[in-house]
Amino acid sequence: MGTILHGRGLRGRSKRTVYRPMAEINVTPFVDVMLVLLIVFMVTAPLLTVGVPVDLPKTQARNLSDQDEPLVISVNSGGEVFVQESLVDIANLVPLLVAITDANAEARIYVRGDRSINYGRIMEVMGSVNAAGFTRVALVAELPKLGER
């Protein structure tokens, strides 16, 4: 009883194994990069709003949610008035707002005022905006941090 193997060993397998390339995409590095980018954008997005440094007062009021991009008027600690990031004289504020909003009285306008300036200066700015016919004018404040009042 003789068996002929023909050089293949037991069960007919060859000693050489054939390697095939892996056809799967490794998504782990892609996910890692996307998570890092997400964190970077989450940190930098709040810093891109308005470039005028203003120390806002703290308040317990809830945040407003609005779909339109508001027009921001800032009053810094020196009492200077800015529309977005451009310095504006108080006498030229109303004509500039009318030109920017195309005389839309329903345009959302936020007024940001530094906590160290006189309240009367902020009211002067708000009064000018309101006298021009703009009805959606709001003050902006920060929420206090935990344990702060």
Protein backbone atom coordinates (compact mmCIF):
# COMPACT_ATOMS: atom_id res chain seq x y z
CA MET A 1 0.00 0.00 0.00
CA GLY A 2 1.91 2.92 -1.18
CA THR A 3 0.85 6.59 -1.20
CA ILE A 4 2.04 9.10 -3.73
CA LEU A 5 2.34 12.61 -2.25
CA HIS A 6 3.88 14.49 -5.16
CA GLY A 7 5.73 16.86 -2.83
CA ARG A 8 2.67 18.42 -1.25
CA GLY A 9 2.67 16.98 2.23
CA LEU A 10 -0.48 15.93 3.96
CA ARG A 11 -3.91 16.80 2.60
CA GLY A 12 -2.57 18.36 -0.58
CA ARG A 13 -1.52 21.79 0.78
CA SER A 14 1.61 23.44 -0.47
CA LYS A 15 4.17 24.77 1.95
CA ARG A 16 4.01 28.26 0.43
CA THR A 17 1.10 30.45 1.51
CA VAL A 18 -0.27 33.04 -0.86
CA TYR A 19 -0.56 36.55 0.63
CA ARG A 20 -3.34 38.75 -0.60
CA PRO A 21 -3.42 42.53 -0.10
CA MET A 22 -5.82 43.79 2.57
CA ALA A 23 -8.80 45.49 0.91
CA GLU A 24 -10.08 47.30 4.03
CA ILE A 25 -9.56 51.00 4.74
CA ASN A 26 -8.25 51.87 8.18
CA VAL A 27 -10.45 54.79 9.34
CA THR A 28 -8.89 55.22 12.78
CA PRO A 29 -6.39 57.93 11.70
CA PHE A 30 -9.17 59.73 9.83
CA VAL A 31 -11.39 59.76 12.93
CA ASP A 32 -8.49 60.98 15.08
CA VAL A 33 -7.80 63.90 12.76
CA MET A 34 -11.50 64.83 12.59
CA LEU A 35 -11.80 64.84 16.40
CA VAL A 36 -8.76 67.09 16.72
CA LEU A 37 -10.19 69.48 14.11
CA LEU A 38 -13.54 69.49 15.91
CA ILE A 39 -11.87 70.48 19.18
CA VAL A 40 -9.83 73.20 17.47
CA PHE A 41 -12.93 74.70 15.84
CA MET A 42 -14.92 74.51 19.08
CA VAL A 43 -12.20 76.45 20.90
CA THR A 44 -11.61 79.08 18.20
CA ALA A 45 -15.22 79.74 17.10
CA PRO A 46 -16.19 81.92 20.11
CA LEU A 47 -13.06 84.01 19.60
CA LEU A 48 -14.07 84.97 16.07
CA THR A 49 -17.27 86.88 16.94
CA VAL A 50 -16.19 90.50 17.48
CA GLY A 51 -12.67 91.89 17.73
CA VAL A 52 -13.29 94.82 20.10
CA PRO A 53 -12.21 93.89 23.63
CA VAL A 54 -15.08 94.59 26.02
CA ASP A 55 -15.39 93.36 29.60
CA LEU A 56 -19.09 92.45 29.65
CA PRO A 57 -21.13 92.46 32.86
CA LYS A 58 -22.51 89.18 34.22
CA THR A 59 -26.22 88.33 34.30
CA GLN A 60 -28.53 85.41 35.04
CA ALA A 61 -30.75 85.99 31.96
CA ARG A 62 -31.13 83.19 29.43
CA ASN A 63 -29.48 83.32 25.98
CA LEU A 64 -31.42 84.60 23.00
CA SER A 65 -31.75 82.30 20.02
CA ASP A 66 -32.10 84.03 16.68
CA GLN A 67 -31.45 82.83 13.14
CA ASP A 68 -30.28 86.17 11.69
CA GLU A 69 -26.73 87.46 12.07
CA PRO A 70 -27.04 90.49 14.38
CA LEU A 71 -25.33 93.82 13.94
CA VAL A 72 -23.07 94.44 16.95
CA ILE A 73 -22.38 97.88 18.43
CA SER A 74 -19.60 97.88 21.03
CA VAL A 75 -18.66 100.57 23.54
CA ASN A 76 -15.16 99.98 24.92
CA SER A 77 -13.72 101.11 28.27
CA GLY A 78 -12.70 104.46 26.75
CA GLY A 79 -16.28 105.21 25.65
CA GLU A 80 -15.47 104.77 21.95
CA VAL A 81 -18.27 103.34 19.79
CA PHE A 82 -17.62 100.55 17.28
CA VAL A 83 -19.97 99.03 14.70
CA GLN A 84 -18.70 95.48 14.27
CA GLU A 85 -14.94 96.31 14.36
CA SER A 86 -15.01 99.83 12.84
CA LEU A 87 -14.66 102.92 15.03
CA VAL A 88 -17.63 105.27 14.53
CA ASP A 89 -18.43 108.75 15.82
CA ILE A 90 -21.75 108.83 17.71
CA ALA A 91 -23.04 111.49 15.28
CA ASN A 92 -22.43 109.13 12.32
CA LEU A 93 -23.86 106.03 14.04
CA VAL A 94 -27.47 106.33 12.86
CA PRO A 95 -26.70 107.06 9.17
CA LEU A 96 -24.25 104.14 9.15
CA LEU A 97 -26.83 101.76 10.67
CA VAL A 98 -29.47 102.87 8.17
CA ALA A 99 -27.02 102.27 5.31
CA ILE A 100 -25.93 98.85 6.61
CA THR A 101 -29.44 97.56 7.29
CA ASP A 102 -31.05 99.19 4.21
CA ALA A 103 -33.43 101.06 6.56
CA ASN A 104 -34.81 97.77 7.92
CA ALA A 105 -36.34 98.68 11.30
CA GLU A 106 -36.60 94.96 12.16
CA ALA A 107 -32.83 94.38 11.97
CA ARG A 108 -31.42 92.74 15.12
CA ILE A 109 -28.88 95.05 16.84
CA TYR A 110 -26.82 94.04 19.88
CA VAL A 111 -25.17 96.64 22.11
CA ARG A 112 -22.11 95.50 24.06
CA GLY A 113 -20.76 97.83 26.73
CA ASP A 114 -17.70 97.49 28.95
CA ARG A 115 -18.65 97.18 32.60
CA SER A 116 -16.26 99.96 33.66
CA ILE A 117 -17.89 102.75 31.60
CA ASN A 118 -20.73 105.02 32.63
CA TYR A 119 -24.18 103.51 32.09
CA GLY A 120 -25.28 106.81 30.57
CA ARG A 121 -22.91 106.30 27.62
CA ILE A 122 -24.55 102.95 26.79
CA MET A 123 -28.00 104.53 27.12
CA GLU A 124 -26.89 107.36 24.81
CA VAL A 125 -25.95 104.79 22.15
CA MET A 126 -29.15 102.79 22.66
CA GLY A 127 -31.25 105.95 22.59
CA SER A 128 -29.71 107.01 19.28
CA VAL A 129 -30.38 103.60 17.75
CA ASN A 130 -33.94 103.49 19.10
CA ALA A 131 -34.68 107.06 17.97
CA ALA A 132 -33.63 106.05 14.44
CA GLY A 133 -36.56 103.60 14.41
CA PHE A 134 -34.79 100.32 15.14
CA THR A 135 -37.04 98.25 17.40
CA ARG A 136 -34.99 95.09 17.99
CA VAL A 137 -32.15 96.46 20.13
CA ALA A 138 -30.73 94.27 22.92
CA LEU A 139 -27.96 94.53 25.49
CA VAL A 140 -25.34 91.77 25.58
CA ALA A 141 -23.95 90.36 28.85
CA GLU A 142 -22.04 87.26 29.92
CA LEU A 143 -23.35 84.50 32.16
CA PRO A 144 -21.47 84.39 35.46
CA LYS A 145 -19.20 81.43 36.10
CA LEU A 146 -20.12 78.97 38.86
CA GLY A 147 -19.63 80.50 42.29
CA GLU A 148 -19.41 84.06 40.87
CA ARG A 149 -21.97 86.81 41.34
